[in-house]
Amino acid sequence: MRVVSLLPSATEIVGALGGLEHLVGVTHECDWPPVVSSRARVTSCAIDSTKPPREVDEQVRALSASGQALYTLNEKLIRSLHPDLILTQALCEVCAVHEGDVRALAASISPAPPVISLAPTTLDAVLDDVARVGAALGLEDEAEELLAGLRARLQSVHVTLKTAQAPRPRTAVVEWGDPVFTGGHWVPDMIHRAGGVDVIGKSGEHSRTIAAAEFEAADPAIIVVAPCGYDLARAESEARRLLATNAWAWARTREVWAMDANAFASRPGPRLVEGVEILARIYNPALFSPLDPAHATRIFI
């Protein structure tokens, strides 16, 4: 089977299922597992994501207002790859190519490859998508084994916390820094599974813009800065930028962490379970193995 993945998380799912030999095309953003760097890149983006968060937000708004696409499909290249299956998403127009564009392209290919569109809004739905992709690739047994392992890891965190009667710290997540967005979709689930209480976000709901004053009023004990698509170095830089502003002066007395969101929070794939484990180590370090400093770091001002 020849598979084109138009979503980094779908690429990660295929990799975790042991189906990398099926992947013939991936997005410009796909970077995990590292071997996918050898696959054809079939998308491009009009946004310069290296710019500061305010400028990125302004680019997105300007393109959306003008009706221009944020992402472009290399249709000629995709056709030349002769895909038997295309994986895409229907959750966020800012995060990946538009589902309608993908389906239109697929319909123009003969024979038309089936399109599987992933749109999970909760952690359980992310796990369900692993099963869907596994079934589409004929890797049902591998999906069952992978899911059993992921659920066992989540259960292990739960049992450890329950046995210790661990406290559940009040938590707020910064999913974007300027304007500030709070964590949405599966992020509140991750916080809950890790032993925390999300004081702002709600499971399954979209992330939303929020003022620093609302963050302060929610009274989080722990703030996790995990901007969508940012690695740890960029998340740390953004956390320090926020804390240096007058609007966030109150947060300097709280426990603030930067987290590699690109790997462990932004993408709805198997590594979200590792994200839960990272948060659990932040909340109750004495109950778990040491936190890998490459995954998250505490911010001191």
C-alpha atoms as a PDB file:
ATOM      1  CA  MET A   1       0.000   0.000   0.000  1.00  0.00           C
ATOM      2  CA  ARG A   2       1.196   3.488  -0.894  1.00  0.00           C
ATOM      3  CA  VAL A   3       0.225   6.114   1.687  1.00  0.00           C
ATOM      4  CA  VAL A   4       0.422   9.904   1.580  1.00  0.00           C
ATOM      5  CA  SER A   5       0.163  11.530   5.008  1.00  0.00           C
ATOM      6  CA  LEU A   6      -0.920  15.155   5.089  1.00  0.00           C
ATOM      7  CA  LEU A   7      -0.704  15.446   8.858  1.00  0.00           C
ATOM      8  CA  PRO A   8       2.363  15.101  11.105  1.00  0.00           C
ATOM      9  CA  SER A   9       0.396  13.213  13.752  1.00  0.00           C
ATOM     10  CA  ALA A  10      -0.849  10.743  11.127  1.00  0.00           C
ATOM     11  CA  THR A  11       2.740  10.210  10.043  1.00  0.00           C
ATOM     12  CA  GLU A  12       3.659   9.487  13.661  1.00  0.00           C
ATOM     13  CA  ILE A  13       0.786   7.017  13.968  1.00  0.00           C
ATOM     14  CA  VAL A  14       1.919   5.152  10.850  1.00  0.00           C
ATOM     15  CA  GLY A  15       5.442   5.049  12.224  1.00  0.00           C
ATOM     16  CA  ALA A  16       4.321   3.771  15.624  1.00  0.00           C
ATOM     17  CA  LEU A  17       2.338   1.022  13.881  1.00  0.00           C
ATOM     18  CA  GLY A  18       5.453  -0.143  12.056  1.00  0.00           C
ATOM     19  CA  GLY A  19       4.048   0.920   8.695  1.00  0.00           C
ATOM     20  CA  LEU A  20       6.775   3.270   7.501  1.00  0.00           C
ATOM     21  CA  GLU A  21       7.399   1.187   4.390  1.00  0.00           C
ATOM     22  CA  HIS A  22       3.949   2.271   3.194  1.00  0.00           C
ATOM     23  CA  LEU A  23       4.673   5.999   3.457  1.00  0.00           C
ATOM     24  CA  VAL A  24       5.568   7.593   0.118  1.00  0.00           C
ATOM     25  CA  GLY A  25       4.670  11.232   0.831  1.00  0.00           C
ATOM     26  CA  VAL A  26       4.528  13.455   3.919  1.00  0.00           C
ATOM     27  CA  THR A  27       4.098  17.120   4.801  1.00  0.00           C
ATOM     28  CA  HIS A  28       6.806  19.763   5.050  1.00  0.00           C
ATOM     29  CA  GLU A  29       6.350  19.599   8.850  1.00  0.00           C
ATOM     30  CA  CYS A  30       6.677  15.838   9.358  1.00  0.00           C
ATOM     31  CA  ASP A  31       9.787  15.122  11.421  1.00  0.00           C
ATOM     32  CA  TRP A  32       8.973  12.034  13.484  1.00  0.00           C
ATOM     33  CA  PRO A  33      10.112   9.369  13.292  1.00  0.00           C
ATOM     34  CA  PRO A  34      13.300  10.868  11.817  1.00  0.00           C
ATOM     35  CA  VAL A  35      13.395   8.381   8.927  1.00  0.00           C
ATOM     36  CA  VAL A  36      10.478  10.226   7.276  1.00  0.00           C
ATOM     37  CA  SER A  37      12.956  12.905   6.212  1.00  0.00           C
ATOM     38  CA  SER A  38      13.639  10.674   3.209  1.00  0.00           C
ATOM     39  CA  ARG A  39      10.015  10.784   2.014  1.00  0.00           C
ATOM     40  CA  ALA A  40       8.674  13.153  -0.625  1.00  0.00           C
ATOM     41  CA  ARG A  41       7.435  16.463   0.804  1.00  0.00           C
ATOM     42  CA  VAL A  42       4.047  17.172  -0.726  1.00  0.00           C
ATOM     43  CA  THR A  43       2.931  20.364   1.050  1.00  0.00           C
ATOM     44  CA  SER A  44       4.176  23.885   1.631  1.00  0.00           C
ATOM     45  CA  CYS A  45       3.057  26.723   3.899  1.00  0.00           C
ATOM     46  CA  ALA A  46       2.575  30.441   3.259  1.00  0.00           C
ATOM     47  CA  ILE A  47       3.259  31.264   6.915  1.00  0.00           C
ATOM     48  CA  ASP A  48       6.743  31.946   8.227  1.00  0.00           C
ATOM     49  CA  SER A  49       6.522  30.041  11.497  1.00  0.00           C
ATOM     50  CA  THR A  50       9.966  31.240  12.589  1.00  0.00           C
ATOM     51  CA  LYS A  51       8.571  34.728  13.236  1.00  0.00           C
ATOM     52  CA  PRO A  52       7.496  35.885  16.718  1.00  0.00           C
ATOM     53  CA  PRO A  53       4.047  34.615  17.779  1.00  0.00           C
ATOM     54  CA  ARG A  54       2.277  37.948  17.194  1.00  0.00           C
ATOM     55  CA  GLU A  55       3.592  38.110  13.630  1.00  0.00           C
ATOM     56  CA  VAL A  56       2.591  34.501  12.964  1.00  0.00           C
ATOM     57  CA  ASP A  57      -0.921  35.248  14.219  1.00  0.00           C
ATOM     58  CA  GLU A  58      -1.106  38.344  12.005  1.00  0.00           C
ATOM     59  CA  GLN A  59      -0.007  36.325   8.963  1.00  0.00           C
ATOM     60  CA  VAL A  60      -2.723  33.744   9.617  1.00  0.00           C
ATOM     61  CA  ARG A  61      -5.416  36.372  10.039  1.00  0.00           C
ATOM     62  CA  ALA A  62      -4.360  38.295   6.937  1.00  0.00           C
ATOM     63  CA  LEU A  63      -4.303  35.209   4.728  1.00  0.00           C
ATOM     64  CA  SER A  64      -7.641  33.993   6.092  1.00  0.00           C
ATOM     65  CA  ALA A  65      -9.239  37.414   5.560  1.00  0.00           C
ATOM     66  CA  SER A  66      -8.050  37.494   1.948  1.00  0.00           C
ATOM     67  CA  GLY A  67      -9.315  33.997   1.252  1.00  0.00           C
ATOM     68  CA  GLN A  68      -5.833  32.659   0.535  1.00  0.00           C
ATOM     69  CA  ALA A  69      -4.835  29.158   1.534  1.00  0.00           C
ATOM     70  CA  LEU A  70      -2.389  28.767   4.389  1.00  0.00           C
ATOM     71  CA  TYR A  71      -1.165  25.439   3.010  1.00  0.00           C
ATOM     72  CA  THR A  72      -0.582  24.282  -0.555  1.00  0.00           C
ATOM     73  CA  LEU A  73      -0.678  20.761  -1.932  1.00  0.00           C
ATOM     74  CA  ASN A  74       1.854  19.750  -4.560  1.00  0.00           C
ATOM     75  CA  GLU A  75      -0.818  18.053  -6.636  1.00  0.00           C
ATOM     76  CA  LYS A  76       1.511  16.998  -9.448  1.00  0.00           C
ATOM     77  CA  LEU A  77       3.862  15.287  -7.026  1.00  0.00           C
ATOM     78  CA  ILE A  78       1.040  13.584  -5.147  1.00  0.00           C
ATOM     79  CA  ARG A  79      -0.391  12.200  -8.387  1.00  0.00           C
ATOM     80  CA  SER A  80       3.037  10.898  -9.366  1.00  0.00           C
ATOM     81  CA  LEU A  81       3.212   8.982  -6.078  1.00  0.00           C
ATOM     82  CA  HIS A  82       0.075   6.984  -7.019  1.00  0.00           C
ATOM     83  CA  PRO A  83      -1.316   6.856  -3.472  1.00  0.00           C
ATOM     84  CA  ASP A  84      -3.633   4.038  -2.407  1.00  0.00           C
ATOM     85  CA  LEU A  85      -4.602   5.985   0.722  1.00  0.00           C
ATOM     86  CA  ILE A  86      -4.444   9.607   1.843  1.00  0.00           C
ATOM     87  CA  LEU A  87      -4.479  10.617   5.504  1.00  0.00           C
ATOM     88  CA  THR A  88      -5.633  14.128   6.374  1.00  0.00           C
ATOM     89  CA  GLN A  89      -7.494  16.060   9.079  1.00  0.00           C
ATOM     90  CA  ALA A  90     -10.718  17.992   9.637  1.00  0.00           C
ATOM     91  CA  LEU A  91      -9.915  19.579  12.971  1.00  0.00           C
ATOM     92  CA  CYS A  92      -7.934  22.779  12.422  1.00  0.00           C
ATOM     93  CA  GLU A  93      -7.561  24.866   9.263  1.00  0.00           C
ATOM     94  CA  VAL A  94      -4.548  26.616  10.778  1.00  0.00           C
ATOM     95  CA  CYS A  95      -2.670  23.366  11.434  1.00  0.00           C
ATOM     96  CA  ALA A  96      -2.788  21.531   8.102  1.00  0.00           C
ATOM     97  CA  VAL A  97      -4.245  21.480   4.588  1.00  0.00           C
ATOM     98  CA  HIS A  98      -7.985  21.922   4.162  1.00  0.00           C
ATOM     99  CA  GLU A  99      -9.904  18.649   4.064  1.00  0.00           C
ATOM    100  CA  GLY A 100     -11.998  19.829   1.115  1.00  0.00           C
ATOM    101  CA  ASP A 101      -8.895  20.455  -0.983  1.00  0.00           C
ATOM    102  CA  VAL A 102      -7.618  16.974  -0.184  1.00  0.00           C
ATOM    103  CA  ARG A 103     -10.876  15.281  -1.126  1.00  0.00           C
ATOM    104  CA  ALA A 104     -11.083  17.266  -4.361  1.00  0.00           C
ATOM    105  CA  LEU A 105      -7.570  16.163  -5.288  1.00  0.00           C
ATOM    106  CA  ALA A 106      -8.277  12.535  -4.408  1.00  0.00           C
ATOM    107  CA  ALA A 107     -11.402  12.583  -6.569  1.00  0.00           C
ATOM    108  CA  SER A 108      -9.347  13.768  -9.535  1.00  0.00           C
ATOM    109  CA  ILE A 109      -6.959  10.789  -9.307  1.00  0.00           C
ATOM    110  CA  SER A 110      -7.824   7.578 -11.151  1.00  0.00           C
ATOM    111  CA  PRO A 111      -8.495   5.353  -9.390  1.00  0.00           C
ATOM    112  CA  ALA A 112      -9.469   7.699  -6.569  1.00  0.00           C
ATOM    113  CA  PRO A 113      -7.693   6.736  -3.339  1.00  0.00           C
ATOM    114  CA  PRO A 114      -9.778   6.658  -0.157  1.00  0.00           C
ATOM    115  CA  VAL A 115      -9.272   9.585   2.212  1.00  0.00           C
ATOM    116  CA  ILE A 116      -9.249   9.088   5.966  1.00  0.00           C
ATOM    117  CA  SER A 117      -9.816  12.319   7.840  1.00  0.00           C
ATOM    118  CA  LEU A 118      -8.752  12.481  11.479  1.00  0.00           C
ATOM    119  CA  ALA A 119     -10.414  14.986  13.818  1.00  0.00           C
ATOM    120  CA  PRO A 120      -9.850  13.933  17.436  1.00  0.00           C
ATOM    121  CA  THR A 121     -10.787  16.397  20.166  1.00  0.00           C
ATOM    122  CA  THR A 122     -10.044  14.216  23.198  1.00  0.00           C
ATOM    123  CA  LEU A 123      -7.255  11.874  24.246  1.00  0.00           C
ATOM    124  CA  ASP A 124      -9.535   8.854  23.888  1.00  0.00           C
ATOM    125  CA  ALA A 125     -10.411   9.962  20.350  1.00  0.00           C
ATOM    126  CA  VAL A 126      -6.705  10.164  19.523  1.00  0.00           C
ATOM    127  CA  LEU A 127      -6.346   6.531  20.575  1.00  0.00           C
ATOM    128  CA  ASP A 128      -9.401   5.631  18.490  1.00  0.00           C
ATOM    129  CA  ASP A 129      -7.685   7.190  15.454  1.00  0.00           C
ATOM    130  CA  VAL A 130      -4.717   4.886  15.978  1.00  0.00           C
ATOM    131  CA  ALA A 131      -7.104   1.972  15.541  1.00  0.00           C
ATOM    132  CA  ARG A 132      -8.666   3.582  12.434  1.00  0.00           C
ATOM    133  CA  VAL A 133      -5.326   4.073  10.750  1.00  0.00           C
ATOM    134  CA  GLY A 134      -4.237   0.578  11.702  1.00  0.00           C
ATOM    135  CA  ALA A 135      -7.357  -0.890  10.121  1.00  0.00           C
ATOM    136  CA  ALA A 136      -6.870   1.138   6.944  1.00  0.00           C
ATOM    137  CA  LEU A 137      -3.302  -0.151   6.623  1.00  0.00           C
ATOM    138  CA  GLY A 138      -4.216  -3.736   7.413  1.00  0.00           C
ATOM    139  CA  LEU A 139      -2.233  -3.492  10.643  1.00  0.00           C
ATOM    140  CA  GLU A 140      -5.003  -4.296  13.089  1.00  0.00           C
ATOM    141  CA  ASP A 141      -2.855  -6.568  15.244  1.00  0.00           C
ATOM    142  CA  GLU A 142      -0.110  -3.968  15.453  1.00  0.00           C
ATOM    143  CA  ALA A 143      -2.662  -1.305  16.380  1.00  0.00           C
ATOM    144  CA  GLU A 144      -4.109  -3.519  19.106  1.00  0.00           C
ATOM    145  CA  GLU A 145      -0.641  -4.127  20.551  1.00  0.00           C
ATOM    146  CA  LEU A 146       0.309  -0.439  20.357  1.00  0.00           C
ATOM    147  CA  LEU A 147      -2.915   0.673  22.018  1.00  0.00           C
ATOM    148  CA  ALA A 148      -2.581  -1.917  24.759  1.00  0.00           C
ATOM    149  CA  GLY A 149       0.852  -0.536  25.558  1.00  0.00           C
ATOM    150  CA  LEU A 150      -0.281   3.092  25.522  1.00  0.00           C
ATOM    151  CA  ARG A 151      -3.271   2.356  27.769  1.00  0.00           C
ATOM    152  CA  ALA A 152      -1.085   0.360  30.148  1.00  0.00           C
ATOM    153  CA  ARG A 153       1.222   3.363  30.513  1.00  0.00           C
ATOM    154  CA  LEU A 154      -1.714   5.650  31.269  1.00  0.00           C
ATOM    155  CA  GLN A 155      -3.041   3.129  33.777  1.00  0.00           C
ATOM    156  CA  SER A 156       0.362   2.938  35.446  1.00  0.00           C
ATOM    157  CA  VAL A 157       0.333   6.706  36.005  1.00  0.00           C
ATOM    158  CA  HIS A 158      -3.198   6.492  37.397  1.00  0.00           C
ATOM    159  CA  VAL A 159      -2.402   3.659  39.814  1.00  0.00           C
ATOM    160  CA  THR A 160       0.760   5.374  41.050  1.00  0.00           C
ATOM    161  CA  LEU A 161      -1.117   8.607  41.766  1.00  0.00           C
ATOM    162  CA  LYS A 162      -4.076   6.832  43.371  1.00  0.00           C
ATOM    163  CA  THR A 163      -1.907   4.664  45.587  1.00  0.00           C
ATOM    164  CA  ALA A 164       0.003   7.702  46.847  1.00  0.00           C
ATOM    165  CA  GLN A 165      -3.171   9.800  47.149  1.00  0.00           C
ATOM    166  CA  ALA A 166      -1.178  12.467  45.342  1.00  0.00           C
ATOM    167  CA  PRO A 167      -2.383  16.084  45.379  1.00  0.00           C
ATOM    168  CA  ARG A 168      -3.887  17.411  42.152  1.00  0.00           C
ATOM    169  CA  PRO A 169      -2.249  20.769  41.373  1.00  0.00           C
ATOM    170  CA  ARG A 170      -4.247  23.525  39.704  1.00  0.00           C
ATOM    171  CA  THR A 171      -2.838  23.907  36.191  1.00  0.00           C
ATOM    172  CA  ALA A 172      -3.173  26.261  33.234  1.00  0.00           C
ATOM    173  CA  VAL A 173      -1.596  25.747  29.816  1.00  0.00           C
ATOM    174  CA  VAL A 174      -0.469  28.467  27.417  1.00  0.00           C
ATOM    175  CA  GLU A 175      -0.980  27.042  23.925  1.00  0.00           C
ATOM    176  CA  TRP A 176       0.060  30.259  22.166  1.00  0.00           C
ATOM    177  CA  GLY A 177       1.765  33.331  23.534  1.00  0.00           C
ATOM    178  CA  ASP A 178       0.625  36.381  21.554  1.00  0.00           C
ATOM    179  CA  PRO A 179      -2.306  36.582  21.583  1.00  0.00           C
ATOM    180  CA  VAL A 180      -2.505  34.128  24.451  1.00  0.00           C
ATOM    181  CA  PHE A 181      -4.483  30.944  23.837  1.00  0.00           C
ATOM    182  CA  THR A 182      -5.253  28.409  26.538  1.00  0.00           C
ATOM    183  CA  GLY A 183      -4.811  24.681  25.939  1.00  0.00           C
ATOM    184  CA  GLY A 184      -7.783  22.942  24.333  1.00  0.00           C
ATOM    185  CA  HIS A 185      -8.973  19.673  22.826  1.00  0.00           C
ATOM    186  CA  TRP A 186      -7.003  16.782  24.387  1.00  0.00           C
ATOM    187  CA  VAL A 187      -4.757  18.958  26.595  1.00  0.00           C
ATOM    188  CA  PRO A 188      -7.205  19.073  29.557  1.00  0.00           C
ATOM    189  CA  ASP A 189      -7.415  15.268  29.322  1.00  0.00           C
ATOM    190  CA  MET A 190      -3.640  15.056  29.507  1.00  0.00           C
ATOM    191  CA  ILE A 191      -3.592  17.246  32.601  1.00  0.00           C
ATOM    192  CA  HIS A 192      -6.271  15.105  34.260  1.00  0.00           C
ATOM    193  CA  ARG A 193      -4.546  11.809  33.422  1.00  0.00           C
ATOM    194  CA  ALA A 194      -1.267  13.230  34.749  1.00  0.00           C
ATOM    195  CA  GLY A 195      -2.829  14.096  38.093  1.00  0.00           C
ATOM    196  CA  GLY A 196      -3.618  17.789  37.679  1.00  0.00           C
ATOM    197  CA  VAL A 197      -6.719  19.955  37.422  1.00  0.00           C
ATOM    198  CA  ASP A 198      -7.084  22.224  34.394  1.00  0.00           C
ATOM    199  CA  VAL A 199      -8.491  25.468  35.798  1.00  0.00           C
ATOM    200  CA  ILE A 200      -9.293  26.993  32.408  1.00  0.00           C
ATOM    201  CA  GLY A 201      -9.492  24.464  29.570  1.00  0.00           C
ATOM    202  CA  LYS A 202     -12.221  21.845  29.138  1.00  0.00           C
ATOM    203  CA  SER A 203     -11.878  18.466  27.478  1.00  0.00           C
ATOM    204  CA  GLY A 204     -12.856  18.457  23.813  1.00  0.00           C
ATOM    205  CA  GLU A 205     -13.253  22.214  23.495  1.00  0.00           C
ATOM    206  CA  HIS A 206     -11.256  24.403  21.130  1.00  0.00           C
ATOM    207  CA  SER A 207      -8.426  26.467  22.542  1.00  0.00           C
ATOM    208  CA  ARG A 208      -9.389  30.124  22.904  1.00  0.00           C
ATOM    209  CA  THR A 209      -7.835  33.513  23.376  1.00  0.00           C
ATOM    210  CA  ILE A 210      -7.586  34.589  26.983  1.00  0.00           C
ATOM    211  CA  ALA A 211      -6.369  37.641  28.851  1.00  0.00           C
ATOM    212  CA  ALA A 212      -3.596  37.427  31.423  1.00  0.00           C
ATOM    213  CA  ALA A 213      -6.093  38.688  33.996  1.00  0.00           C
ATOM    214  CA  GLU A 214      -8.329  35.654  33.401  1.00  0.00           C
ATOM    215  CA  PHE A 215      -5.343  33.387  33.822  1.00  0.00           C
ATOM    216  CA  GLU A 216      -4.547  35.105  37.107  1.00  0.00           C
ATOM    217  CA  ALA A 217      -8.157  34.884  38.312  1.00  0.00           C
ATOM    218  CA  ALA A 218      -8.144  31.133  37.654  1.00  0.00           C
ATOM    219  CA  ASP A 219      -5.341  30.915  40.240  1.00  0.00           C
ATOM    220  CA  PRO A 220      -3.167  28.142  38.768  1.00  0.00           C
ATOM    221  CA  ALA A 221      -0.385  26.797  40.944  1.00  0.00           C
ATOM    222  CA  ILE A 222       1.430  25.493  37.862  1.00  0.00           C
ATOM    223  CA  ILE A 223       1.597  27.157  34.445  1.00  0.00           C
ATOM    224  CA  VAL A 224       2.784  25.087  31.491  1.00  0.00           C
ATOM    225  CA  VAL A 225       3.935  27.083  28.471  1.00  0.00           C
ATOM    226  CA  ALA A 226       3.582  24.744  25.490  1.00  0.00           C
ATOM    227  CA  PRO A 227       2.957  26.804  22.340  1.00  0.00           C
ATOM    228  CA  CYS A 228       1.577  24.819  19.417  1.00  0.00           C
ATOM    229  CA  GLY A 229       4.407  23.572  17.226  1.00  0.00           C
ATOM    230  CA  TYR A 230       7.213  24.865  19.469  1.00  0.00           C
ATOM    231  CA  ASP A 231      10.115  22.718  20.576  1.00  0.00           C
ATOM    232  CA  LEU A 232      11.494  23.098  24.095  1.00  0.00           C
ATOM    233  CA  ALA A 233      13.964  25.886  23.286  1.00  0.00           C
ATOM    234  CA  ARG A 234      11.287  28.065  21.690  1.00  0.00           C
ATOM    235  CA  ALA A 235       8.794  27.264  24.451  1.00  0.00           C
ATOM    236  CA  GLU A 236      11.331  28.299  27.076  1.00  0.00           C
ATOM    237  CA  SER A 237      12.050  31.554  25.235  1.00  0.00           C
ATOM    238  CA  GLU A 238       8.321  32.288  25.000  1.00  0.00           C
ATOM    239  CA  ALA A 239       7.799  31.555  28.697  1.00  0.00           C
ATOM    240  CA  ARG A 240      10.538  33.991  29.639  1.00  0.00           C
ATOM    241  CA  ARG A 241       9.109  36.631  27.307  1.00  0.00           C
ATOM    242  CA  LEU A 242       5.666  36.326  28.893  1.00  0.00           C
ATOM    243  CA  LEU A 243       6.972  36.437  32.447  1.00  0.00           C
ATOM    244  CA  ALA A 244       8.996  39.567  31.681  1.00  0.00           C
ATOM    245  CA  THR A 245       5.829  41.533  30.843  1.00  0.00           C
ATOM    246  CA  ASN A 246       3.860  43.541  33.382  1.00  0.00           C
ATOM    247  CA  ALA A 247       0.663  41.629  32.566  1.00  0.00           C
ATOM    248  CA  TRP A 248       2.295  38.392  33.715  1.00  0.00           C
ATOM    249  CA  ALA A 249       4.188  39.727  36.732  1.00  0.00           C
ATOM    250  CA  TRP A 250       1.791  37.783  38.999  1.00  0.00           C
ATOM    251  CA  ALA A 251       2.940  34.502  37.403  1.00  0.00           C
ATOM    252  CA  ARG A 252       6.506  34.966  38.636  1.00  0.00           C
ATOM    253  CA  THR A 253       5.361  33.645  42.009  1.00  0.00           C
ATOM    254  CA  ARG A 254       3.923  30.467  40.460  1.00  0.00           C
ATOM    255  CA  GLU A 255       5.612  27.308  39.237  1.00  0.00           C
ATOM    256  CA  VAL A 256       6.148  27.856  35.515  1.00  0.00           C
ATOM    257  CA  TRP A 257       7.326  25.177  33.104  1.00  0.00           C
ATOM    258  CA  ALA A 258       8.186  25.156  29.410  1.00  0.00           C
ATOM    259  CA  MET A 259       7.395  21.950  27.536  1.00  0.00           C
ATOM    260  CA  ASP A 260       8.286  20.529  24.125  1.00  0.00           C
ATOM    261  CA  ALA A 261       4.796  20.890  22.701  1.00  0.00           C
ATOM    262  CA  ASN A 262       5.717  19.896  19.167  1.00  0.00           C
ATOM    263  CA  ALA A 263       6.631  16.416  20.355  1.00  0.00           C
ATOM    264  CA  PHE A 264       4.363  15.860  23.353  1.00  0.00           C
ATOM    265  CA  ALA A 265       1.291  18.120  23.300  1.00  0.00           C
ATOM    266  CA  SER A 266       0.407  19.669  19.923  1.00  0.00           C
ATOM    267  CA  ARG A 267       0.153  16.603  17.722  1.00  0.00           C
ATOM    268  CA  PRO A 268      -2.698  14.152  18.362  1.00  0.00           C
ATOM    269  CA  GLY A 269      -0.667  10.975  18.145  1.00  0.00           C
ATOM    270  CA  PRO A 270       0.914   8.287  20.328  1.00  0.00           C
ATOM    271  CA  ARG A 271       3.468  10.634  21.916  1.00  0.00           C
ATOM    272  CA  LEU A 272       0.690  12.405  23.827  1.00  0.00           C
ATOM    273  CA  VAL A 273       0.945   9.521  26.283  1.00  0.00           C
ATOM    274  CA  GLU A 274       4.560  10.481  26.879  1.00  0.00           C
ATOM    275  CA  GLY A 275       3.268  14.026  27.358  1.00  0.00           C
ATOM    276  CA  VAL A 276       1.035  12.732  30.163  1.00  0.00           C
ATOM    277  CA  GLU A 277       4.042  11.051  31.751  1.00  0.00           C
ATOM    278  CA  ILE A 278       6.028  14.292  31.516  1.00  0.00           C
ATOM    279  CA  LEU A 279       3.271  16.247  33.251  1.00  0.00           C
ATOM    280  CA  ALA A 280       3.008  13.560  35.947  1.00  0.00           C
ATOM    281  CA  ARG A 281       6.731  13.977  36.649  1.00  0.00           C
ATOM    282  CA  ILE A 282       6.252  17.745  36.899  1.00  0.00           C
ATOM    283  CA  TYR A 283       3.343  17.387  39.345  1.00  0.00           C
ATOM    284  CA  ASN A 284       4.732  14.630  41.561  1.00  0.00           C
ATOM    285  CA  PRO A 285       8.451  14.135  40.858  1.00  0.00           C
ATOM    286  CA  ALA A 286       8.968  11.879  43.887  1.00  0.00           C
ATOM    287  CA  LEU A 287       6.551   9.289  42.490  1.00  0.00           C
ATOM    288  CA  PHE A 288       8.092   8.818  39.049  1.00  0.00           C
ATOM    289  CA  SER A 289      11.444   8.416  37.338  1.00  0.00           C
ATOM    290  CA  PRO A 290      13.427  11.637  36.772  1.00  0.00           C
ATOM    291  CA  LEU A 291      12.171  14.134  34.213  1.00  0.00           C
ATOM    292  CA  ASP A 292      14.225  14.254  31.021  1.00  0.00           C
ATOM    293  CA  PRO A 293      15.483  17.878  30.750  1.00  0.00           C
ATOM    294  CA  ALA A 294      15.090  17.650  26.987  1.00  0.00           C
ATOM    295  CA  HIS A 295      11.315  17.323  27.433  1.00  0.00           C
ATOM    296  CA  ALA A 296      10.472  20.128  29.873  1.00  0.00           C
ATOM    297  CA  THR A 297      12.247  22.654  32.049  1.00  0.00           C
ATOM    298  CA  ARG A 298      11.259  24.866  34.955  1.00  0.00           C
ATOM    299  CA  ILE A 299      11.475  28.603  34.343  1.00  0.00           C
ATOM    300  CA  PHE A 300      13.107  30.799  36.951  1.00  0.00           C
ATOM    301  CA  ILE A 301      13.105  34.593  36.651  1.00  0.00           C
END
